[in-house]
mmCIF file of all heavy atoms, coordinates in Angstrom:
data_MODEL
# 
_entry.id   MODEL 
# 
loop_
_atom_site.group_PDB 
_atom_site.id 
_atom_site.type_symbol 
_atom_site.label_atom_id 
_atom_site.label_alt_id 
_atom_site.label_comp_id 
_atom_site.label_asym_id 
_atom_site.label_entity_id 
_atom_site.label_seq_id 
_atom_site.pdbx_PDB_ins_code 
_atom_site.Cartn_x 
_atom_site.Cartn_y 
_atom_site.Cartn_z 
_atom_site.occupancy 
_atom_site.B_iso_or_equiv 
_atom_site.pdbx_formal_charge 
_atom_site.auth_seq_id 
_atom_site.auth_comp_id 
_atom_site.auth_asym_id 
_atom_site.auth_atom_id 
_atom_site.pdbx_PDB_model_num 
ATOM 1   N N   . GLN A 1 1  ? 36.997 -155.035 -53.324 1.00 0.00 ? 1  GLN A N   1 
ATOM 2   C CA  . GLN A 1 1  ? 37.216 -156.058 -52.298 1.00 0.00 ? 1  GLN A CA  1 
ATOM 3   C C   . GLN A 1 1  ? 38.418 -155.710 -51.424 1.00 0.00 ? 1  GLN A C   1 
ATOM 4   O O   . GLN A 1 1  ? 38.391 -155.941 -50.213 1.00 0.00 ? 1  GLN A O   1 
ATOM 5   C CB  . GLN A 1 1  ? 37.408 -157.420 -52.966 1.00 0.00 ? 1  GLN A CB  1 
ATOM 6   C CG  . GLN A 1 1  ? 36.120 -157.963 -53.576 1.00 0.00 ? 1  GLN A CG  1 
ATOM 7   C CD  . GLN A 1 1  ? 36.361 -159.207 -54.397 1.00 0.00 ? 1  GLN A CD  1 
ATOM 8   O OE1 . GLN A 1 1  ? 36.683 -160.263 -53.862 1.00 0.00 ? 1  GLN A OE1 1 
ATOM 9   N NE2 . GLN A 1 1  ? 36.191 -159.095 -55.715 1.00 0.00 ? 1  GLN A NE2 1 
ATOM 10  N N   . HIS A 1 2  ? 39.442 -155.147 -52.037 1.00 0.00 ? 2  HIS A N   1 
ATOM 11  C CA  . HIS A 1 2  ? 40.608 -154.707 -51.274 1.00 0.00 ? 2  HIS A CA  1 
ATOM 12  C C   . HIS A 1 2  ? 40.213 -153.644 -50.242 1.00 0.00 ? 2  HIS A C   1 
ATOM 13  O O   . HIS A 1 2  ? 40.782 -153.593 -49.145 1.00 0.00 ? 2  HIS A O   1 
ATOM 14  C CB  . HIS A 1 2  ? 41.660 -154.147 -52.222 1.00 0.00 ? 2  HIS A CB  1 
ATOM 15  C CG  . HIS A 1 2  ? 42.884 -153.601 -51.544 1.00 0.00 ? 2  HIS A CG  1 
ATOM 16  N ND1 . HIS A 1 2  ? 43.842 -154.391 -50.963 1.00 0.00 ? 2  HIS A ND1 1 
ATOM 17  C CD2 . HIS A 1 2  ? 43.295 -152.320 -51.350 1.00 0.00 ? 2  HIS A CD2 1 
ATOM 18  C CE1 . HIS A 1 2  ? 44.793 -153.644 -50.446 1.00 0.00 ? 2  HIS A CE1 1 
ATOM 19  N NE2 . HIS A 1 2  ? 44.482 -152.378 -50.658 1.00 0.00 ? 2  HIS A NE2 1 
ATOM 20  N N   . GLU A 1 3  ? 39.213 -152.834 -50.595 1.00 0.00 ? 3  GLU A N   1 
ATOM 21  C CA  . GLU A 1 3  ? 38.741 -151.785 -49.694 1.00 0.00 ? 3  GLU A CA  1 
ATOM 22  C C   . GLU A 1 3  ? 37.699 -152.286 -48.712 1.00 0.00 ? 3  GLU A C   1 
ATOM 23  O O   . GLU A 1 3  ? 37.242 -151.533 -47.845 1.00 0.00 ? 3  GLU A O   1 
ATOM 24  C CB  . GLU A 1 3  ? 38.165 -150.630 -50.514 1.00 0.00 ? 3  GLU A CB  1 
ATOM 25  C CG  . GLU A 1 3  ? 39.181 -149.915 -51.391 1.00 0.00 ? 3  GLU A CG  1 
ATOM 26  C CD  . GLU A 1 3  ? 40.240 -149.185 -50.586 1.00 0.00 ? 3  GLU A CD  1 
ATOM 27  O OE1 . GLU A 1 3  ? 39.921 -148.741 -49.459 1.00 0.00 ? 3  GLU A OE1 1 
ATOM 28  O OE2 . GLU A 1 3  ? 41.374 -149.041 -51.089 1.00 0.00 ? 3  GLU A OE2 1 
ATOM 29  N N   . GLY A 1 4  ? 37.272 -153.552 -48.848 1.00 0.00 ? 4  GLY A N   1 
ATOM 30  C CA  . GLY A 1 4  ? 36.359 -154.148 -47.886 1.00 0.00 ? 4  GLY A CA  1 
ATOM 31  C C   . GLY A 1 4  ? 34.900 -154.152 -48.295 1.00 0.00 ? 4  GLY A C   1 
ATOM 32  O O   . GLY A 1 4  ? 34.025 -154.359 -47.440 1.00 0.00 ? 4  GLY A O   1 
ATOM 33  N N   . PHE A 1 5  ? 34.611 -153.965 -49.596 1.00 0.00 ? 5  PHE A N   1 
ATOM 34  C CA  . PHE A 1 5  ? 33.220 -153.882 -50.048 1.00 0.00 ? 5  PHE A CA  1 
ATOM 35  C C   . PHE A 1 5  ? 32.905 -154.939 -51.099 1.00 0.00 ? 5  PHE A C   1 
ATOM 36  O O   . PHE A 1 5  ? 33.729 -155.250 -51.952 1.00 0.00 ? 5  PHE A O   1 
ATOM 37  C CB  . PHE A 1 5  ? 32.929 -152.495 -50.618 1.00 0.00 ? 5  PHE A CB  1 
ATOM 38  C CG  . PHE A 1 5  ? 33.011 -151.397 -49.596 1.00 0.00 ? 5  PHE A CG  1 
ATOM 39  C CD1 . PHE A 1 5  ? 34.212 -150.723 -49.401 1.00 0.00 ? 5  PHE A CD1 1 
ATOM 40  C CD2 . PHE A 1 5  ? 31.915 -151.071 -48.818 1.00 0.00 ? 5  PHE A CD2 1 
ATOM 41  C CE1 . PHE A 1 5  ? 34.307 -149.711 -48.440 1.00 0.00 ? 5  PHE A CE1 1 
ATOM 42  C CE2 . PHE A 1 5  ? 32.003 -150.070 -47.857 1.00 0.00 ? 5  PHE A CE2 1 
ATOM 43  C CZ  . PHE A 1 5  ? 33.200 -149.386 -47.658 1.00 0.00 ? 5  PHE A CZ  1 
ATOM 44  N N   . ALA A 1 6  ? 31.682 -155.440 -51.035 1.00 0.00 ? 6  ALA A N   1 
ATOM 45  C CA  . ALA A 1 6  ? 31.195 -156.358 -52.059 1.00 0.00 ? 6  ALA A CA  1 
ATOM 46  C C   . ALA A 1 6  ? 30.751 -155.559 -53.286 1.00 0.00 ? 6  ALA A C   1 
ATOM 47  O O   . ALA A 1 6  ? 30.477 -154.362 -53.215 1.00 0.00 ? 6  ALA A O   1 
ATOM 48  C CB  . ALA A 1 6  ? 30.025 -157.155 -51.514 1.00 0.00 ? 6  ALA A CB  1 
ATOM 49  N N   . SER A 1 7  ? 30.675 -156.256 -54.430 1.00 0.00 ? 7  SER A N   1 
ATOM 50  C CA  . SER A 1 7  ? 30.253 -155.624 -55.678 1.00 0.00 ? 7  SER A CA  1 
ATOM 51  C C   . SER A 1 7  ? 29.616 -156.684 -56.556 1.00 0.00 ? 7  SER A C   1 
ATOM 52  O O   . SER A 1 7  ? 29.631 -157.868 -56.226 1.00 0.00 ? 7  SER A O   1 
ATOM 53  C CB  . SER A 1 7  ? 31.434 -154.945 -56.384 1.00 0.00 ? 7  SER A CB  1 
ATOM 54  O OG  . SER A 1 7  ? 32.503 -155.858 -56.587 1.00 0.00 ? 7  SER A OG  1 
ATOM 55  N N   . LEU A 1 8  ? 29.059 -156.253 -57.693 1.00 0.00 ? 8  LEU A N   1 
ATOM 56  C CA  . LEU A 1 8  ? 28.279 -157.168 -58.519 1.00 0.00 ? 8  LEU A CA  1 
ATOM 57  C C   . LEU A 1 8  ? 28.934 -157.456 -59.862 1.00 0.00 ? 8  LEU A C   1 
ATOM 58  O O   . LEU A 1 8  ? 29.061 -156.562 -60.707 1.00 0.00 ? 8  LEU A O   1 
ATOM 59  C CB  . LEU A 1 8  ? 26.882 -156.583 -58.766 1.00 0.00 ? 8  LEU A CB  1 
ATOM 60  C CG  . LEU A 1 8  ? 25.791 -157.021 -57.795 1.00 0.00 ? 8  LEU A CG  1 
ATOM 61  C CD1 . LEU A 1 8  ? 24.519 -156.221 -58.037 1.00 0.00 ? 8  LEU A CD1 1 
ATOM 62  C CD2 . LEU A 1 8  ? 25.505 -158.509 -57.936 1.00 0.00 ? 8  LEU A CD2 1 
ATOM 63  N N   . HIS A 1 9  ? 29.340 -158.697 -60.041 1.00 0.00 ? 9  HIS A N   1 
ATOM 64  C CA  . HIS A 1 9  ? 29.805 -159.189 -61.342 1.00 0.00 ? 9  HIS A CA  1 
ATOM 65  C C   . HIS A 1 9  ? 28.548 -159.526 -62.115 1.00 0.00 ? 9  HIS A C   1 
ATOM 66  O O   . HIS A 1 9  ? 27.884 -160.530 -61.837 1.00 0.00 ? 9  HIS A O   1 
ATOM 67  C CB  . HIS A 1 9  ? 30.676 -160.428 -61.121 1.00 0.00 ? 9  HIS A CB  1 
ATOM 68  C CG  . HIS A 1 9  ? 31.296 -160.999 -62.358 1.00 0.00 ? 9  HIS A CG  1 
ATOM 69  N ND1 . HIS A 1 9  ? 30.592 -161.784 -63.245 1.00 0.00 ? 9  HIS A ND1 1 
ATOM 70  C CD2 . HIS A 1 9  ? 32.547 -160.893 -62.858 1.00 0.00 ? 9  HIS A CD2 1 
ATOM 71  C CE1 . HIS A 1 9  ? 31.384 -162.152 -64.218 1.00 0.00 ? 9  HIS A CE1 1 
ATOM 72  N NE2 . HIS A 1 9  ? 32.582 -161.630 -64.015 1.00 0.00 ? 9  HIS A NE2 1 
ATOM 73  N N   . ALA A 1 10 ? 28.172 -158.667 -63.092 1.00 0.00 ? 10 ALA A N   1 
ATOM 74  C CA  . ALA A 1 10 ? 26.842 -158.789 -63.688 1.00 0.00 ? 10 ALA A CA  1 
ATOM 75  C C   . ALA A 1 10 ? 26.791 -158.132 -65.062 1.00 0.00 ? 10 ALA A C   1 
ATOM 76  O O   . ALA A 1 10 ? 27.710 -157.405 -65.454 1.00 0.00 ? 10 ALA A O   1 
ATOM 77  C CB  . ALA A 1 10 ? 25.829 -158.128 -62.746 1.00 0.00 ? 10 ALA A CB  1 
ATOM 78  N N   . PRO A 1 11 ? 25.695 -158.381 -65.800 1.00 0.00 ? 11 PRO A N   1 
ATOM 79  C CA  . PRO A 1 11 ? 25.534 -157.800 -67.140 1.00 0.00 ? 11 PRO A CA  1 
ATOM 80  C C   . PRO A 1 11 ? 25.616 -156.276 -67.147 1.00 0.00 ? 11 PRO A C   1 
ATOM 81  O O   . PRO A 1 11 ? 25.321 -155.621 -66.136 1.00 0.00 ? 11 PRO A O   1 
ATOM 82  C CB  . PRO A 1 11 ? 24.130 -158.264 -67.542 1.00 0.00 ? 11 PRO A CB  1 
ATOM 83  C CG  . PRO A 1 11 ? 23.901 -159.519 -66.767 1.00 0.00 ? 11 PRO A CG  1 
ATOM 84  C CD  . PRO A 1 11 ? 24.584 -159.293 -65.461 1.00 0.00 ? 11 PRO A CD  1 
ATOM 85  N N   . MET A 1 12 ? 25.979 -155.745 -68.322 1.00 0.00 ? 12 MET A N   1 
ATOM 86  C CA  . MET A 1 12 ? 26.178 -154.298 -68.469 1.00 0.00 ? 12 MET A CA  1 
ATOM 87  C C   . MET A 1 12 ? 25.233 -153.739 -69.529 1.00 0.00 ? 12 MET A C   1 
ATOM 88  O O   . MET A 1 12 ? 24.199 -154.319 -69.825 1.00 0.00 ? 12 MET A O   1 
ATOM 89  C CB  . MET A 1 12 ? 27.643 -154.027 -68.770 1.00 0.00 ? 12 MET A CB  1 
ATOM 90  C CG  . MET A 1 12 ? 28.570 -154.501 -67.657 1.00 0.00 ? 12 MET A CG  1 
ATOM 91  S SD  . MET A 1 12 ? 30.330 -154.177 -67.925 1.00 0.00 ? 12 MET A SD  1 
ATOM 92  C CE  . MET A 1 12 ? 30.720 -155.421 -69.161 1.00 0.00 ? 12 MET A CE  1 
ATOM 93  N N   . ALA A 1 13 ? 25.600 -152.593 -70.099 1.00 0.00 ? 13 ALA A N   1 
ATOM 94  C CA  . ALA A 1 13 ? 24.666 -151.825 -70.928 1.00 0.00 ? 13 ALA A CA  1 
ATOM 95  C C   . ALA A 1 13 ? 24.169 -152.576 -72.165 1.00 0.00 ? 13 ALA A C   1 
ATOM 96  O O   . ALA A 1 13 ? 22.980 -152.532 -72.494 1.00 0.00 ? 13 ALA A O   1 
ATOM 97  C CB  . ALA A 1 13 ? 25.301 -150.495 -71.328 1.00 0.00 ? 13 ALA A CB  1 
ATOM 98  N N   . ARG A 1 14 ? 25.077 -153.242 -72.874 1.00 0.00 ? 14 ARG A N   1 
ATOM 99  C CA  . ARG A 1 14 ? 24.648 -153.921 -74.088 1.00 0.00 ? 14 ARG A CA  1 
ATOM 100 C C   . ARG A 1 14 ? 23.601 -154.984 -73.776 1.00 0.00 ? 14 ARG A C   1 
ATOM 101 O O   . ARG A 1 14 ? 22.585 -155.114 -74.474 1.00 0.00 ? 14 ARG A O   1 
ATOM 102 C CB  . ARG A 1 14 ? 25.843 -154.559 -74.812 1.00 0.00 ? 14 ARG A CB  1 
ATOM 103 C CG  . ARG A 1 14 ? 25.474 -155.168 -76.159 1.00 0.00 ? 14 ARG A CG  1 
ATOM 104 C CD  . ARG A 1 14 ? 26.662 -155.855 -76.847 1.00 0.00 ? 14 ARG A CD  1 
ATOM 105 N NE  . ARG A 1 14 ? 26.309 -156.271 -78.198 1.00 0.00 ? 14 ARG A NE  1 
ATOM 106 C CZ  . ARG A 1 14 ? 25.592 -157.351 -78.497 1.00 0.00 ? 14 ARG A CZ  1 
ATOM 107 N NH1 . ARG A 1 14 ? 25.161 -158.131 -77.518 1.00 0.00 ? 14 ARG A NH1 1 
ATOM 108 N NH2 . ARG A 1 14 ? 25.317 -157.650 -79.755 1.00 0.00 ? 14 ARG A NH2 1 
ATOM 109 N N   . HIS A 1 15 ? 23.856 -155.751 -72.740 1.00 0.00 ? 15 HIS A N   1 
ATOM 110 C CA  . HIS A 1 15 ? 22.912 -156.797 -72.333 1.00 0.00 ? 15 HIS A CA  1 
ATOM 111 C C   . HIS A 1 15 ? 21.564 -156.196 -71.987 1.00 0.00 ? 15 HIS A C   1 
ATOM 112 O O   . HIS A 1 15 ? 20.508 -156.702 -72.410 1.00 0.00 ? 15 HIS A O   1 
ATOM 113 C CB  . HIS A 1 15 ? 23.478 -157.555 -71.134 1.00 0.00 ? 15 HIS A CB  1 
ATOM 114 C CG  . HIS A 1 15 ? 22.669 -158.750 -70.728 1.00 0.00 ? 15 HIS A CG  1 
ATOM 115 N ND1 . HIS A 1 15 ? 23.102 -160.039 -70.921 1.00 0.00 ? 15 HIS A ND1 1 
ATOM 116 C CD2 . HIS A 1 15 ? 21.454 -158.861 -70.147 1.00 0.00 ? 15 HIS A CD2 1 
ATOM 117 C CE1 . HIS A 1 15 ? 22.189 -160.886 -70.477 1.00 0.00 ? 15 HIS A CE1 1 
ATOM 118 N NE2 . HIS A 1 15 ? 21.184 -160.190 -69.990 1.00 0.00 ? 15 HIS A NE2 1 
ATOM 119 N N   . LEU A 1 16 ? 21.571 -155.112 -71.218 1.00 0.00 ? 16 LEU A N   1 
ATOM 120 C CA  . LEU A 1 16 ? 20.316 -154.495 -70.802 1.00 0.00 ? 16 LEU A CA  1 
ATOM 121 C C   . LEU A 1 16 ? 19.574 -153.881 -71.971 1.00 0.00 ? 16 LEU A C   1 
ATOM 122 O O   . LEU A 1 16 ? 18.360 -153.649 -71.884 1.00 0.00 ? 16 LEU A O   1 
ATOM 123 C CB  . LEU A 1 16 ? 20.592 -153.427 -69.737 1.00 0.00 ? 16 LEU A CB  1 
ATOM 124 C CG  . LEU A 1 16 ? 21.202 -153.940 -68.426 1.00 0.00 ? 16 LEU A CG  1 
ATOM 125 C CD1 . LEU A 1 16 ? 21.400 -152.799 -67.456 1.00 0.00 ? 16 LEU A CD1 1 
ATOM 126 C CD2 . LEU A 1 16 ? 20.331 -155.030 -67.799 1.00 0.00 ? 16 LEU A CD2 1 
ATOM 127 N N   . THR A 1 17 ? 20.279 -153.631 -73.075 1.00 0.00 ? 17 THR A N   1 
ATOM 128 C CA  . THR A 1 17 ? 19.657 -153.048 -74.259 1.00 0.00 ? 17 THR A CA  1 
ATOM 129 C C   . THR A 1 17 ? 19.077 -154.117 -75.180 1.00 0.00 ? 17 THR A C   1 
ATOM 130 O O   . THR A 1 17 ? 17.932 -153.987 -75.644 1.00 0.00 ? 17 THR A O   1 
ATOM 131 C CB  . THR A 1 17 ? 20.688 -152.219 -75.043 1.00 0.00 ? 17 THR A CB  1 
ATOM 132 O OG1 . THR A 1 17 ? 21.162 -151.141 -74.233 1.00 0.00 ? 17 THR A OG1 1 
ATOM 133 C CG2 . THR A 1 17 ? 20.069 -151.645 -76.320 1.00 0.00 ? 17 THR A CG2 1 
ATOM 134 N N   . VAL A 1 18 ? 19.851 -155.165 -75.457 1.00 0.00 ? 18 VAL A N   1 
ATOM 135 C CA  . VAL A 1 18 ? 19.448 -156.104 -76.509 1.00 0.00 ? 18 VAL A CA  1 
ATOM 136 C C   . VAL A 1 18 ? 18.618 -157.276 -76.012 1.00 0.00 ? 18 VAL A C   1 
ATOM 137 O O   . VAL A 1 18 ? 17.898 -157.899 -76.800 1.00 0.00 ? 18 VAL A O   1 
ATOM 138 C CB  . VAL A 1 18 ? 20.685 -156.645 -77.272 1.00 0.00 ? 18 VAL A CB  1 
ATOM 139 C CG1 . VAL A 1 18 ? 21.506 -155.498 -77.832 1.00 0.00 ? 18 VAL A CG1 1 
ATOM 140 C CG2 . VAL A 1 18 ? 21.554 -157.520 -76.375 1.00 0.00 ? 18 VAL A CG2 1 
ATOM 141 N N   . GLU A 1 19 ? 18.711 -157.601 -74.721 1.00 0.00 ? 19 GLU A N   1 
ATOM 142 C CA  . GLU A 1 19 ? 17.943 -158.740 -74.216 1.00 0.00 ? 19 GLU A CA  1 
ATOM 143 C C   . GLU A 1 19 ? 16.521 -158.317 -73.860 1.00 0.00 ? 19 GLU A C   1 
ATOM 144 O O   . GLU A 1 19 ? 16.293 -157.192 -73.437 1.00 0.00 ? 19 GLU A O   1 
ATOM 145 C CB  . GLU A 1 19 ? 18.641 -159.357 -72.995 1.00 0.00 ? 19 GLU A CB  1 
ATOM 146 C CG  . GLU A 1 19 ? 20.035 -159.894 -73.285 1.00 0.00 ? 19 GLU A CG  1 
ATOM 147 C CD  . GLU A 1 19 ? 20.050 -161.006 -74.335 1.00 0.00 ? 19 GLU A CD  1 
ATOM 148 O OE1 . GLU A 1 19 ? 19.050 -161.738 -74.450 1.00 0.00 ? 19 GLU A OE1 1 
ATOM 149 O OE2 . GLU A 1 19 ? 21.077 -161.132 -75.034 1.00 0.00 ? 19 GLU A OE2 1 
ATOM 150 N N   . PRO A 1 20 ? 15.552 -159.205 -74.025 1.00 0.00 ? 20 PRO A N   1 
ATOM 151 C CA  . PRO A 1 20 ? 14.152 -158.857 -73.777 1.00 0.00 ? 20 PRO A CA  1 
ATOM 152 C C   . PRO A 1 20 ? 13.850 -158.599 -72.303 1.00 0.00 ? 20 PRO A C   1 
ATOM 153 O O   . PRO A 1 20 ? 14.652 -158.916 -71.420 1.00 0.00 ? 20 PRO A O   1 
ATOM 154 C CB  . PRO A 1 20 ? 13.391 -160.089 -74.299 1.00 0.00 ? 20 PRO A CB  1 
ATOM 155 C CG  . PRO A 1 20 ? 14.368 -161.214 -74.166 1.00 0.00 ? 20 PRO A CG  1 
ATOM 156 C CD  . PRO A 1 20 ? 15.710 -160.612 -74.483 1.00 0.00 ? 20 PRO A CD  1 
ATOM 157 N N   . SER A 1 21 ? 12.680 -158.054 -72.045 1.00 0.00 ? 21 SER A N   1 
ATOM 158 C CA  . SER A 1 21 ? 12.307 -157.671 -70.690 1.00 0.00 ? 21 SER A CA  1 
ATOM 159 C C   . SER A 1 21 ? 12.288 -158.854 -69.733 1.00 0.00 ? 21 SER A C   1 
ATOM 160 O O   . SER A 1 21 ? 12.529 -158.699 -68.541 1.00 0.00 ? 21 SER A O   1 
ATOM 161 C CB  . SER A 1 21 ? 10.939 -156.986 -70.690 1.00 0.00 ? 21 SER A CB  1 
ATOM 162 O OG  . SER A 1 21 ? 9.954  -157.849 -71.233 1.00 0.00 ? 21 SER A OG  1 
ATOM 163 N N   . GLY A 1 22 ? 12.000 -160.060 -70.246 1.00 0.00 ? 22 GLY A N   1 
ATOM 164 C CA  . GLY A 1 22 ? 11.948 -161.224 -69.386 1.00 0.00 ? 22 GLY A CA  1 
ATOM 165 C C   . GLY A 1 22 ? 13.266 -161.956 -69.254 1.00 0.00 ? 22 GLY A C   1 
ATOM 166 O O   . GLY A 1 22 ? 13.304 -163.080 -68.720 1.00 0.00 ? 22 GLY A O   1 
ATOM 167 N N   . ASP A 1 23 ? 14.354 -161.360 -69.715 1.00 0.00 ? 23 ASP A N   1 
ATOM 168 C CA  . ASP A 1 23 ? 15.659 -162.011 -69.684 1.00 0.00 ? 23 ASP A CA  1 
ATOM 169 C C   . ASP A 1 23 ? 16.030 -162.441 -68.256 1.00 0.00 ? 23 ASP A C   1 
ATOM 170 O O   . ASP A 1 23 ? 15.902 -161.661 -67.307 1.00 0.00 ? 23 ASP A O   1 
ATOM 171 C CB  . ASP A 1 23 ? 16.716 -161.035 -70.227 1.00 0.00 ? 23 ASP A CB  1 
ATOM 172 C CG  . ASP A 1 23 ? 18.113 -161.567 -70.081 1.00 0.00 ? 23 ASP A CG  1 
ATOM 173 O OD1 . ASP A 1 23 ? 18.459 -162.541 -70.766 1.00 0.00 ? 23 ASP A OD1 1 
ATOM 174 O OD2 . ASP A 1 23 ? 18.877 -161.009 -69.248 1.00 0.00 ? 23 ASP A OD2 1 
ATOM 175 N N   . VAL A 1 24 ? 16.504 -163.668 -68.143 1.00 0.00 ? 24 VAL A N   1 
ATOM 176 C CA  . VAL A 1 24 ? 16.793 -164.244 -66.824 1.00 0.00 ? 24 VAL A CA  1 
ATOM 177 C C   . VAL A 1 24 ? 17.900 -163.486 -66.105 1.00 0.00 ? 24 VAL A C   1 
ATOM 178 O O   . VAL A 1 24 ? 17.772 -163.149 -64.914 1.00 0.00 ? 24 VAL A O   1 
ATOM 179 C CB  . VAL A 1 24 ? 17.168 -165.732 -66.958 1.00 0.00 ? 24 VAL A CB  1 
ATOM 180 C CG1 . VAL A 1 24 ? 17.648 -166.290 -65.618 1.00 0.00 ? 24 VAL A CG1 1 
ATOM 181 C CG2 . VAL A 1 24 ? 15.984 -166.531 -67.468 1.00 0.00 ? 24 VAL A CG2 1 
ATOM 182 N N   . ALA A 1 25 ? 18.993 -163.199 -66.792 1.00 0.00 ? 25 ALA A N   1 
ATOM 183 C CA  . ALA A 1 25 ? 20.124 -162.532 -66.144 1.00 0.00 ? 25 ALA A CA  1 
ATOM 184 C C   . ALA A 1 25 ? 19.771 -161.112 -65.723 1.00 0.00 ? 25 ALA A C   1 
ATOM 185 O O   . ALA A 1 25 ? 20.142 -160.663 -64.628 1.00 0.00 ? 25 ALA A O   1 
ATOM 186 C CB  . ALA A 1 25 ? 21.339 -162.540 -67.066 1.00 0.00 ? 25 ALA A CB  1 
ATOM 187 N N   . ALA A 1 26 ? 19.063 -160.385 -66.596 1.00 0.00 ? 26 ALA A N   1 
ATOM 188 C CA  . ALA A 1 26 ? 18.678 -159.018 -66.255 1.00 0.00 ? 26 ALA A CA  1 
ATOM 189 C C   . ALA A 1 26 ? 17.714 -159.006 -65.080 1.00 0.00 ? 26 ALA A C   1 
ATOM 190 O O   . ALA A 1 26 ? 17.816 -158.164 -64.176 1.00 0.00 ? 26 ALA A O   1 
ATOM 191 C CB  . ALA A 1 26 ? 18.057 -158.336 -67.469 1.00 0.00 ? 26 ALA A CB  1 
ATOM 192 N N   . GLN A 1 27 ? 16.767 -159.929 -65.073 1.00 0.00 ? 27 GLN A N   1 
ATOM 193 C CA  . GLN A 1 27 ? 15.828 -159.999 -63.967 1.00 0.00 ? 27 GLN A CA  1 
ATOM 194 C C   . GLN A 1 27 ? 16.541 -160.364 -62.668 1.00 0.00 ? 27 GLN A C   1 
ATOM 195 O O   . GLN A 1 27 ? 16.215 -159.829 -61.596 1.00 0.00 ? 27 GLN A O   1 
ATOM 196 C CB  . GLN A 1 27 ? 14.730 -161.026 -64.263 1.00 0.00 ? 27 GLN A CB  1 
ATOM 197 C CG  . GLN A 1 27 ? 13.623 -161.074 -63.204 1.00 0.00 ? 27 GLN A CG  1 
ATOM 198 C CD  . GLN A 1 27 ? 12.892 -159.758 -63.066 1.00 0.00 ? 27 GLN A CD  1 
ATOM 199 O OE1 . GLN A 1 27 ? 12.509 -159.150 -64.056 1.00 0.00 ? 27 GLN A OE1 1 
ATOM 200 N NE2 . GLN A 1 27 ? 12.691 -159.307 -61.826 1.00 0.00 ? 27 GLN A NE2 1 
# 
């Protein structure tokens, strides 16, 4: 943000591994 760009506050590797394919946050 200091450099002027947006980014994503979002789930990471563990979430993408353990949550099912229909997971709301991953989708």
